[in-house]
Amino acid sequence: MKNVLVLMTADVRICDCVEENIKSNKYEVVVLANSSFKYKSIKDRIVNFYKKIVKKDKSYKRQLIRAYEENQNLFFLEQQQTIFDYTLVIRPDKFSLKVLEAVKIKSKKMIAYQWDGMSRFPEVTETIDFFDEFYVFDKNDIESNSKKLTYTTNFYFDCYNNLFKNEIIYDVYFIGSYDSRTQDLLRICSELESMGLKINVLLATSPKKHLKKYKFITYLKKSLTYYENLEILSRSKIIIDLAHKDLHTGLSFRAFESVGYDKKMITTNKTIKSMDFYNPQNIFVFDDDRTDLIEFVKSDYISIPETIKNKYSFSNWFNYMFKIEPFENIKTY
């Protein structure tokens, strides 16, 4: 049985979903996800407090975290007494060069995927040469970088298809942070609310006075796991996707959840119109010309061809990244 090493962040436990989907395809999997930071001593706490409060310097704790994670990761890798057939590193900027060097020694084939805009984390360019292939989800990163990069997309987890037989209880669902996109969210939801739809918005923030009038908002005291999000999504008819217009143009996971789980979607990301799965009856691009939103909400989802649907599954995505036959080519740059 072939074995896989995965390095990625532990955020919202999406690493658990990656592991489960790889296992469902008959691989042995080892996952290295950064653990929670712990101060080594009282001295570190005091120094950090002094630098942050007195010197207005927040970099000290970041340095401690990076050192802690590097030590933890190197210790973990030392315990691995095998050479991995496939190594997948998601968000390589999260791992030190020393860790990536240790990983490369234990890897037959090592692939990177940067699922966030590289302009946000420019230090990631230092890691590119460690990998056999380096994939990005924003085409702009290819144009702005002199080193060889390959465009790919995000995916949906096909190991959870049975979850999407649940009864629908929400008309509209959104989960996300309180940020510059919130105004777009409120514009969309206000129009949908006027149609009498049942809206479920989960915001990762403390309650805000100016949002008090929006009864469809629930404030998350702690983050949901990615799987818990999928459970709610499975009971929703329409999902909302908000583009990070100033950060990147890549398509979020929402787009591929729409494809894989047969969900209608309202999005502010216009680049989706160039995708082979785009159908205006399934995907509504919310902009100033939105007179037909009511018709969109009332219309049924139109099934897309299985070949296109399967192309954006995690299983095909993994095979495509490592060129493991059979696989379907994902839209390339």
Protein backbone atom coordinates (compact mmCIF):
# COMPACT_ATOMS: atom_id res chain seq x y z
CA MET A 1 0.00 0.00 0.00
CA LYS A 2 1.37 3.44 -1.00
CA ASN A 3 1.88 5.99 1.77
CA VAL A 4 1.23 9.73 1.92
CA LEU A 5 2.62 12.46 4.15
CA VAL A 6 0.52 15.61 4.49
CA LEU A 7 1.75 18.87 6.02
CA MET A 8 -0.81 21.62 6.54
CA THR A 9 -2.37 23.92 9.10
CA ALA A 10 -4.73 22.61 11.77
CA ASP A 11 -7.21 25.46 11.15
CA VAL A 12 -10.86 24.31 11.47
CA ARG A 13 -9.56 20.71 11.33
CA ILE A 14 -9.80 20.57 7.55
CA CYS A 15 -6.71 18.38 7.86
CA ASP A 16 -9.00 15.65 9.21
CA CYS A 17 -11.07 15.78 6.02
CA VAL A 18 -7.96 15.62 3.85
CA GLU A 19 -6.78 12.59 5.78
CA GLU A 20 -10.13 10.83 5.54
CA ASN A 21 -10.45 11.42 1.80
CA ILE A 22 -6.94 10.10 1.12
CA LYS A 23 -7.62 7.03 3.28
CA SER A 24 -10.85 6.38 1.38
CA ASN A 25 -8.66 5.84 -1.70
CA LYS A 26 -6.63 3.10 0.00
CA TYR A 27 -3.51 4.95 1.05
CA GLU A 28 -1.71 4.97 4.37
CA VAL A 29 -1.64 8.55 5.61
CA VAL A 30 0.46 10.49 8.10
CA VAL A 31 -0.61 14.08 8.81
CA LEU A 32 1.59 16.77 10.33
CA ALA A 33 -0.53 19.74 11.39
CA ASN A 34 0.95 22.42 13.62
CA SER A 35 -0.06 21.97 17.26
CA SER A 36 -1.16 24.72 19.65
CA PHE A 37 1.62 26.96 20.91
CA LYS A 38 2.76 26.74 24.52
CA TYR A 39 5.17 29.08 26.31
CA LYS A 40 8.35 27.32 27.45
CA SER A 41 8.73 29.46 30.54
CA ILE A 42 7.34 32.33 32.61
CA LYS A 43 10.25 34.42 31.28
CA ASP A 44 8.92 34.11 27.71
CA ARG A 45 5.49 35.28 28.87
CA ILE A 46 6.95 38.31 30.66
CA VAL A 47 9.20 39.29 27.77
CA ASN A 48 6.34 38.99 25.29
CA PHE A 49 4.07 41.10 27.53
CA TYR A 50 6.75 43.79 27.85
CA LYS A 51 7.48 43.93 24.11
CA LYS A 52 3.81 43.96 23.13
CA ILE A 53 2.57 46.52 25.69
CA VAL A 54 5.58 48.74 26.27
CA LYS A 55 7.48 48.46 22.98
CA LYS A 56 4.37 47.97 20.80
CA ASP A 57 6.20 45.06 19.18
CA LYS A 58 4.08 42.00 18.40
CA SER A 59 6.79 40.13 16.54
CA TYR A 60 8.33 38.42 19.58
CA LYS A 61 5.48 35.98 20.10
CA ARG A 62 5.43 35.18 16.39
CA GLN A 63 9.11 34.30 16.66
CA LEU A 64 8.40 32.06 19.65
CA ILE A 65 5.59 30.33 17.77
CA ARG A 66 7.74 29.71 14.70
CA ALA A 67 10.55 28.27 16.86
CA TYR A 68 8.09 26.11 18.81
CA GLU A 69 6.47 24.76 15.65
CA GLU A 70 9.82 24.07 14.02
CA ASN A 71 11.04 22.06 17.01
CA GLN A 72 7.77 20.13 17.23
CA ASN A 73 7.77 19.38 13.50
CA LEU A 74 11.40 18.28 13.38
CA PHE A 75 10.84 15.96 16.34
CA PHE A 76 7.76 14.50 14.62
CA LEU A 77 9.69 13.89 11.39
CA GLU A 78 12.54 12.19 13.24
CA GLN A 79 10.03 9.59 14.46
CA GLN A 80 9.00 8.67 10.90
CA GLN A 81 11.02 5.63 9.90
CA THR A 82 9.89 5.51 6.28
CA ILE A 83 10.26 7.18 2.89
CA PHE A 84 6.91 8.51 1.69
CA ASP A 85 5.67 7.84 -1.84
CA TYR A 86 3.76 11.12 -1.95
CA THR A 87 4.15 14.25 0.16
CA LEU A 88 1.58 17.03 -0.03
CA VAL A 89 2.33 20.38 1.63
CA ILE A 90 -0.61 22.80 1.82
CA ARG A 91 0.35 26.37 2.76
CA PRO A 92 4.13 25.79 2.66
CA ASP A 93 4.64 29.29 4.10
CA LYS A 94 3.53 27.80 7.43
CA PHE A 95 6.62 25.59 7.63
CA SER A 96 10.24 26.62 8.10
CA LEU A 97 12.88 25.93 5.47
CA LYS A 98 14.61 23.57 7.91
CA VAL A 99 11.40 21.51 8.24
CA LEU A 100 10.86 21.39 4.47
CA GLU A 101 14.45 20.25 4.00
CA ALA A 102 13.86 17.40 6.47
CA VAL A 103 10.61 16.49 4.69
CA LYS A 104 12.29 16.38 1.29
CA ILE A 105 14.78 13.79 2.52
CA LYS A 106 11.85 11.52 3.43
CA SER A 107 9.86 12.06 0.20
CA LYS A 108 9.95 10.41 -3.22
CA LYS A 109 7.68 13.10 -4.68
CA MET A 110 6.91 16.38 -2.95
CA ILE A 111 4.12 18.71 -4.10
CA ALA A 112 3.05 22.11 -2.72
CA TYR A 113 -0.31 23.85 -2.89
CA GLN A 114 -0.74 27.50 -1.87
CA TRP A 115 -4.49 27.94 -1.40
CA ASP A 116 -4.15 31.57 -0.41
CA GLY A 117 -2.83 34.49 -2.45
CA MET A 118 0.98 34.55 -2.49
CA SER A 119 0.97 38.34 -2.21
CA ARG A 120 -0.37 37.95 1.33
CA PHE A 121 2.51 35.67 2.30
CA PRO A 122 5.50 36.67 0.10
CA GLU A 123 7.88 34.55 2.20
CA VAL A 124 6.38 31.48 0.51
CA THR A 125 8.49 32.15 -2.60
CA GLU A 126 11.54 30.98 -0.61
CA THR A 127 10.04 27.48 -0.45
CA ILE A 128 9.32 26.90 -4.14
CA ASP A 129 12.58 25.14 -5.02
CA PHE A 130 11.97 22.40 -2.43
CA PHE A 131 9.12 20.97 -4.50
CA ASP A 132 8.75 18.87 -7.64
CA GLU A 133 5.67 20.93 -8.50
CA PHE A 134 4.28 24.07 -6.90
CA TYR A 135 0.57 24.76 -7.42
CA VAL A 136 -1.35 27.99 -6.81
CA PHE A 137 -5.07 28.75 -6.98
CA ASP A 138 -4.73 32.36 -8.14
CA LYS A 139 -3.65 32.86 -11.76
CA ASN A 140 -2.26 36.29 -10.89
CA ASP A 141 0.44 34.58 -8.81
CA ILE A 142 1.77 32.89 -11.95
CA GLU A 143 2.04 36.17 -13.82
CA SER A 144 3.78 37.96 -10.95
CA ASN A 145 6.34 35.27 -10.09
CA SER A 146 9.46 34.46 -12.08
CA LYS A 147 9.67 30.86 -10.88
CA LYS A 148 7.64 28.03 -12.39
CA LEU A 149 4.21 27.70 -10.84
CA THR A 150 1.16 25.71 -11.94
CA TYR A 151 -2.44 26.81 -11.65
CA THR A 152 -5.03 24.51 -10.12
CA THR A 153 -8.28 24.95 -8.20
CA ASN A 154 -9.68 24.05 -4.82
CA PHE A 155 -11.86 20.94 -4.53
CA TYR A 156 -14.70 19.30 -2.64
CA PHE A 157 -14.39 16.22 -0.43
CA ASP A 158 -16.01 13.35 -2.30
CA CYS A 159 -15.69 10.98 0.66
CA TYR A 160 -18.70 12.77 2.23
CA ASN A 161 -21.20 12.37 -0.60
CA ASN A 162 -23.56 10.32 1.60
CA LEU A 163 -23.80 13.27 4.02
CA PHE A 164 -25.67 15.21 1.36
CA LYS A 165 -28.80 13.11 1.61
CA ASN A 166 -29.94 15.11 4.66
CA GLU A 167 -33.21 17.00 4.71
CA ILE A 168 -33.01 20.67 3.66
CA ILE A 169 -33.94 23.03 6.51
CA TYR A 170 -32.27 26.32 5.42
CA ASP A 171 -32.83 28.27 2.23
CA VAL A 172 -29.54 30.16 2.48
CA TYR A 173 -26.27 29.53 4.35
CA PHE A 174 -23.11 31.54 4.91
CA ILE A 175 -20.19 31.06 7.29
CA GLY A 176 -17.24 33.40 7.52
CA SER A 177 -15.42 36.21 9.25
CA TYR A 178 -16.48 39.75 10.00
CA ASP A 179 -14.39 41.80 7.56
CA SER A 180 -14.53 44.15 4.58
CA ARG A 181 -16.86 41.75 2.76
CA THR A 182 -19.59 41.97 5.39
CA GLN A 183 -21.33 44.85 3.62
CA ASP A 184 -21.75 42.68 0.51
CA LEU A 185 -23.11 39.93 2.75
CA LEU A 186 -25.70 42.26 4.29
CA ARG A 187 -26.80 43.56 0.89
CA ILE A 188 -27.33 40.02 -0.38
CA CYS A 189 -29.09 38.74 2.74
CA SER A 190 -31.35 41.79 3.02
CA GLU A 191 -32.68 41.12 -0.47
CA LEU A 192 -33.12 37.43 0.26
CA GLU A 193 -34.82 38.15 3.58
CA SER A 194 -37.36 40.35 1.80
CA MET A 195 -38.35 37.23 -0.18
CA GLY A 196 -39.24 35.43 3.06
CA LEU A 197 -36.31 32.99 2.90
CA LYS A 198 -34.87 31.19 5.93
CA ILE A 199 -31.31 32.50 6.21
CA ASN A 200 -28.54 31.08 8.39
CA VAL A 201 -25.48 33.35 8.67
CA LEU A 202 -22.65 32.34 11.01
CA LEU A 203 -20.10 35.07 11.72
CA ALA A 204 -16.85 34.44 13.57
CA THR A 205 -16.91 37.62 15.66
CA SER A 206 -18.35 39.04 18.84
CA PRO A 207 -21.85 40.62 18.63
CA LYS A 208 -21.88 44.02 16.90
CA LYS A 209 -24.40 46.73 17.84
CA HIS A 210 -24.84 47.92 14.26
CA LEU A 211 -25.74 44.36 13.19
CA LYS A 212 -28.35 43.88 15.91
CA LYS A 213 -31.25 44.40 13.50
CA TYR A 214 -30.18 41.44 11.35
CA LYS A 215 -31.90 38.52 13.06
CA PHE A 216 -30.45 35.96 10.65
CA ILE A 217 -26.91 36.40 12.08
CA THR A 218 -25.51 34.00 14.69
CA TYR A 219 -22.17 34.89 16.29
CA LEU A 220 -19.73 32.03 16.71
CA LYS A 221 -18.03 31.85 20.10
CA LYS A 222 -15.64 29.24 18.72
CA SER A 223 -14.91 28.11 15.20
CA LEU A 224 -16.77 25.19 13.69
CA THR A 225 -14.70 22.40 12.24
CA TYR A 226 -14.80 22.08 8.48
CA TYR A 227 -16.85 18.89 8.81
CA GLU A 228 -19.38 20.62 11.10
CA ASN A 229 -19.68 23.28 8.43
CA LEU A 230 -20.41 20.57 5.85
CA GLU A 231 -23.13 19.14 8.07
CA ILE A 232 -24.93 22.50 8.06
CA LEU A 233 -24.24 23.01 4.36
CA SER A 234 -25.82 19.64 3.62
CA ARG A 235 -29.10 20.98 5.04
CA SER A 236 -29.02 24.18 2.99
CA LYS A 237 -30.34 24.91 -0.51
CA ILE A 238 -28.22 27.95 -1.42
CA ILE A 239 -24.74 28.93 -0.22
CA ILE A 240 -23.25 32.43 -0.28
CA ASP A 241 -19.66 33.03 -1.39
CA LEU A 242 -17.88 36.37 -0.89
CA ALA A 243 -14.76 37.15 -2.91
CA HIS A 244 -11.65 38.66 -1.31
CA LYS A 245 -11.47 41.21 -4.13
CA ASP A 246 -8.37 43.00 -2.86
CA LEU A 247 -6.42 39.86 -1.92
CA HIS A 248 -6.82 37.30 -4.71
CA THR A 249 -9.10 36.14 -7.53
CA GLY A 250 -8.96 32.41 -6.79
CA LEU A 251 -12.19 30.50 -6.28
CA SER A 252 -13.00 29.52 -2.71
CA PHE A 253 -14.12 26.14 -1.41
CA ARG A 254 -17.73 27.36 -1.66
CA ALA A 255 -17.55 27.16 -5.45
CA PHE A 256 -16.54 23.51 -5.41
CA GLU A 257 -18.96 22.58 -2.64
CA SER A 258 -21.62 23.94 -4.99
CA VAL A 259 -20.36 21.66 -7.76
CA GLY A 260 -19.83 18.53 -5.70
CA TYR A 261 -22.89 18.69 -3.48
CA ASP A 262 -25.45 20.05 -6.00
CA LYS A 263 -25.98 23.39 -4.24
CA LYS A 264 -27.04 26.67 -5.78
CA MET A 265 -24.67 29.51 -5.00
CA ILE A 266 -24.72 33.31 -4.85
CA THR A 267 -21.22 34.75 -5.27
CA THR A 268 -19.44 38.07 -5.70
CA ASN A 269 -16.53 36.43 -7.58
CA LYS A 270 -17.02 37.18 -11.29
CA THR A 271 -14.14 34.95 -12.39
CA ILE A 272 -16.41 31.95 -11.86
CA LYS A 273 -18.08 32.72 -15.21
CA SER A 274 -15.02 31.33 -17.00
CA MET A 275 -15.31 27.89 -15.36
CA ASP A 276 -16.64 24.88 -17.26
CA PHE A 277 -19.22 24.15 -14.53
CA TYR A 278 -20.73 27.66 -14.59
CA ASN A 279 -24.48 27.72 -15.21
CA PRO A 280 -26.41 30.93 -14.40
CA GLN A 281 -29.29 28.84 -13.12
CA ASN A 282 -27.02 27.29 -10.49
CA ILE A 283 -24.64 30.18 -9.81
CA PHE A 284 -25.75 33.79 -9.41
CA VAL A 285 -23.05 36.47 -9.66
CA PHE A 286 -24.25 39.27 -7.40
CA ASP A 287 -23.49 42.71 -8.76
CA ASP A 288 -25.38 45.86 -9.63
CA ASP A 289 -27.41 44.06 -12.33
CA ARG A 290 -29.36 41.61 -10.19
CA THR A 291 -32.96 42.09 -11.26
CA ASP A 292 -33.42 38.36 -11.78
CA LEU A 293 -32.40 37.26 -8.26
CA ILE A 294 -35.98 36.23 -7.45
CA GLU A 295 -36.12 34.00 -10.53
CA PHE A 296 -32.78 32.45 -9.56
CA VAL A 297 -33.98 31.62 -6.04
CA LYS A 298 -37.21 30.06 -7.34
CA SER A 299 -35.53 27.93 -10.02
CA ASP A 300 -34.31 24.37 -9.47
CA TYR A 301 -30.70 23.23 -9.52
CA ILE A 302 -29.62 21.84 -12.88
CA SER A 303 -27.34 18.80 -12.63
CA ILE A 304 -23.96 19.16 -14.29
CA PRO A 305 -22.23 16.32 -16.19
CA GLU A 306 -20.62 13.74 -13.92
CA THR A 307 -17.28 14.08 -15.75
CA ILE A 308 -17.08 17.76 -14.80
CA LYS A 309 -18.33 17.09 -11.28
CA ASN A 310 -15.77 14.35 -10.67
CA LYS A 311 -12.95 16.52 -12.03
CA TYR A 312 -13.19 18.84 -9.01
CA SER A 313 -13.39 16.07 -6.39
CA PHE A 314 -10.53 15.77 -3.93
CA SER A 315 -9.78 12.26 -5.25
CA ASN A 316 -9.20 13.51 -8.80
CA TRP A 317 -7.44 16.63 -7.52
CA PHE A 318 -4.95 14.45 -5.59
CA ASN A 319 -4.32 12.20 -8.59
CA TYR A 320 -3.90 15.21 -10.87
CA MET A 321 -1.41 16.86 -8.52
CA PHE A 322 0.78 13.74 -8.38
CA LYS A 323 -0.03 12.54 -11.91
CA ILE A 324 -1.43 9.23 -10.66
CA GLU A 325 -3.48 7.52 -13.36
CA PRO A 326 -6.37 7.71 -13.93
CA PHE A 327 -7.04 11.42 -13.51
CA GLU A 328 -8.86 14.19 -15.32
CA ASN A 329 -6.86 17.30 -16.13
CA ILE A 330 -8.00 20.22 -14.01
CA LYS A 331 -8.29 23.55 -15.78
CA THR A 332 -4.70 24.70 -16.31
CA TYR A 333 -3.15 28.06 -17.01
